[in-house]
Amino acid sequence: MARRLSPMTQLLARVQTWCGISISAGGGITHIVLRDHPIARFPTPETLEVVLCGSIRDQVRRDPDDLPDGVWPLDDASRLIVDLTQPGGMEEAVRSLLNAYLLAEHPAARDWWLRPEHLAADPTCEKLAVEVEHFRQQARAVGA
């Protein structure tokens, strides 16, 4: 029987081939890094926290209900939490990562990475885990 790759491993296999992307694993949390700036991190092998910027951020602010199940905006849509096991989750993660990647090419672009103060406030993703569980409980309550 073939071994199945975790969603994190599948996503990393896609994005680590992008020019300038590196993977950093420190403190038990894996980060996707572009030009020395983290643009995403994996609280678990099934979930991704990714920066939300540019036109996609504006789109999510206007209509957050257009996001697939298992994708939740945080902090005035400056970040997304993505359950990579949900239908559409992997695609939304790639879309958001590619958006940050492309925005980083513009010299005047700002806010295309996760802020250092945000990362320092929750380095082990414990607070993020509470948020994810809260969203999942809401989703279960709606589905019940």
Protein backbone atom coordinates (compact mmCIF):
# COMPACT_ATOMS: atom_id res chain seq x y z
CA MET A 1 0.00 0.00 0.00
CA ALA A 2 1.41 3.39 -0.98
CA ARG A 3 2.11 5.87 1.80
CA ARG A 4 0.04 9.03 1.52
CA LEU A 5 1.82 12.37 1.82
CA SER A 6 0.56 14.87 4.38
CA PRO A 7 -1.11 18.00 3.02
CA MET A 8 1.86 20.03 4.30
CA THR A 9 4.31 17.84 2.36
CA GLN A 10 2.16 18.09 -0.77
CA LEU A 11 2.01 21.89 -0.56
CA LEU A 12 5.72 22.24 0.19
CA ALA A 13 6.54 20.08 -2.83
CA ARG A 14 4.64 22.56 -5.01
CA VAL A 15 5.98 25.85 -3.68
CA GLN A 16 9.58 25.02 -2.84
CA THR A 17 10.33 24.94 -6.57
CA TRP A 18 9.39 28.62 -6.89
CA CYS A 19 12.46 30.82 -7.31
CA GLY A 20 13.39 32.47 -4.00
CA ILE A 21 11.21 30.28 -1.78
CA SER A 22 12.85 28.49 1.12
CA ILE A 23 11.52 26.32 3.90
CA SER A 24 12.45 27.00 7.51
CA ALA A 25 11.70 24.62 10.36
CA GLY A 26 12.34 26.14 13.74
CA GLY A 27 10.70 25.59 17.09
CA GLY A 28 8.60 22.77 15.68
CA ILE A 29 6.83 25.08 13.20
CA THR A 30 7.56 24.98 9.47
CA HIS A 31 7.60 28.33 7.65
CA ILE A 32 7.48 29.17 3.94
CA VAL A 33 9.95 32.03 3.46
CA LEU A 34 10.44 34.45 0.57
CA ARG A 35 13.34 36.91 0.59
CA ASP A 36 13.94 36.35 4.31
CA HIS A 37 10.27 37.07 5.09
CA PRO A 38 7.86 34.34 6.24
CA ILE A 39 4.74 34.31 4.10
CA ALA A 40 3.12 31.26 5.70
CA ARG A 41 3.52 28.72 8.47
CA PHE A 42 2.06 25.33 9.34
CA PRO A 43 0.56 25.11 12.83
CA THR A 44 -0.07 21.43 12.00
CA PRO A 45 0.59 19.24 8.95
CA GLU A 46 -3.07 19.79 7.96
CA THR A 47 -3.38 23.56 8.49
CA LEU A 48 -1.69 26.63 7.06
CA GLU A 49 -1.57 30.22 8.20
CA VAL A 50 -0.84 32.41 5.19
CA VAL A 51 -0.52 36.14 4.67
CA LEU A 52 -3.38 37.73 2.80
CA CYS A 53 -2.44 40.73 0.71
CA GLY A 54 -3.17 42.71 -2.42
CA SER A 55 -6.25 42.12 -4.50
CA ILE A 56 -7.14 38.84 -2.79
CA ARG A 57 -7.23 40.60 0.58
CA ASP A 58 -9.61 43.19 -0.86
CA GLN A 59 -11.75 40.42 -2.34
CA VAL A 60 -11.95 38.56 0.99
CA ARG A 61 -12.85 41.75 2.84
CA ARG A 62 -15.69 42.41 0.38
CA ASP A 63 -17.10 38.89 0.34
CA PRO A 64 -15.67 36.50 2.95
CA ASP A 65 -18.50 34.04 2.22
CA ASP A 66 -16.83 33.23 -1.12
CA LEU A 67 -14.08 31.33 0.69
CA PRO A 68 -14.26 27.53 0.63
CA ASP A 69 -15.25 25.63 3.76
CA GLY A 70 -12.28 25.32 6.08
CA VAL A 71 -10.75 28.68 5.08
CA TRP A 72 -11.09 31.49 7.60
CA PRO A 73 -9.86 35.11 7.49
CA LEU A 74 -8.21 36.62 10.57
CA ASP A 75 -7.21 40.12 11.66
CA ASP A 76 -9.26 42.18 9.22
CA ALA A 77 -8.37 39.71 6.47
CA SER A 78 -4.62 40.15 6.83
CA ARG A 79 -4.19 36.39 7.26
CA LEU A 80 -5.99 33.21 6.33
CA ILE A 81 -6.19 29.95 8.18
CA VAL A 82 -6.57 27.10 5.72
CA ASP A 83 -7.60 23.56 6.52
CA LEU A 84 -5.70 21.78 3.77
CA THR A 85 -7.86 18.66 4.10
CA GLN A 86 -11.07 20.45 3.07
CA PRO A 87 -12.20 20.62 -0.57
CA GLY A 88 -10.73 23.79 -2.03
CA GLY A 89 -8.29 24.26 0.84
CA MET A 90 -5.15 23.35 -1.07
CA GLU A 91 -6.16 25.52 -4.02
CA GLU A 92 -6.86 28.51 -1.75
CA ALA A 93 -3.48 28.03 -0.06
CA VAL A 94 -1.67 28.01 -3.42
CA ARG A 95 -3.66 31.03 -4.62
CA SER A 96 -2.76 33.05 -1.51
CA LEU A 97 0.89 32.00 -1.61
CA LEU A 98 1.17 32.85 -5.30
CA ASN A 99 -0.45 36.22 -4.65
CA ALA A 100 2.17 37.07 -1.98
CA TYR A 101 4.91 35.76 -4.27
CA LEU A 102 3.81 38.01 -7.14
CA LEU A 103 3.20 41.03 -4.93
CA ALA A 104 6.73 40.74 -3.54
CA GLU A 105 8.04 41.56 -7.02
CA HIS A 106 6.69 45.12 -6.86
CA PRO A 107 9.16 47.53 -5.20
CA ALA A 108 6.41 49.57 -3.52
CA ALA A 109 4.53 46.54 -2.22
CA ARG A 110 4.02 46.20 1.51
CA ASP A 111 2.39 43.70 3.82
CA TRP A 112 3.12 40.64 1.67
CA TRP A 113 4.66 38.76 4.61
CA LEU A 114 3.63 37.72 8.12
CA ARG A 115 4.61 40.46 10.56
CA PRO A 116 7.46 39.67 13.01
CA GLU A 117 5.41 40.95 15.96
CA HIS A 118 2.58 38.60 15.02
CA LEU A 119 4.94 35.62 14.82
CA ALA A 120 6.62 36.58 18.11
CA ALA A 121 3.25 36.84 19.87
CA ASP A 122 2.45 33.20 19.07
CA PRO A 123 5.69 31.41 18.13
CA THR A 124 4.35 27.91 18.80
CA CYS A 125 0.90 28.56 17.28
CA GLU A 126 -0.92 27.79 20.53
CA LYS A 127 -3.24 30.80 20.15
CA LEU A 128 -3.76 29.92 16.53
CA ALA A 129 -4.78 26.37 17.50
CA VAL A 130 -7.48 27.82 19.75
CA GLU A 131 -8.77 29.97 16.85
CA VAL A 132 -8.81 26.97 14.50
CA GLU A 133 -10.74 24.89 17.02
CA HIS A 134 -13.22 27.73 17.48
CA PHE A 135 -13.82 27.91 13.71
CA ARG A 136 -14.21 24.15 13.49
CA GLN A 137 -16.76 24.14 16.32
CA GLN A 138 -18.74 26.85 14.53
CA ALA A 139 -18.66 24.82 11.31
CA ARG A 140 -19.84 21.68 13.13
CA ALA A 141 -22.67 23.65 14.78
CA VAL A 142 -23.82 24.98 11.40
CA GLY A 143 -23.61 21.51 9.84
CA ALA A 144 -25.54 19.84 12.69
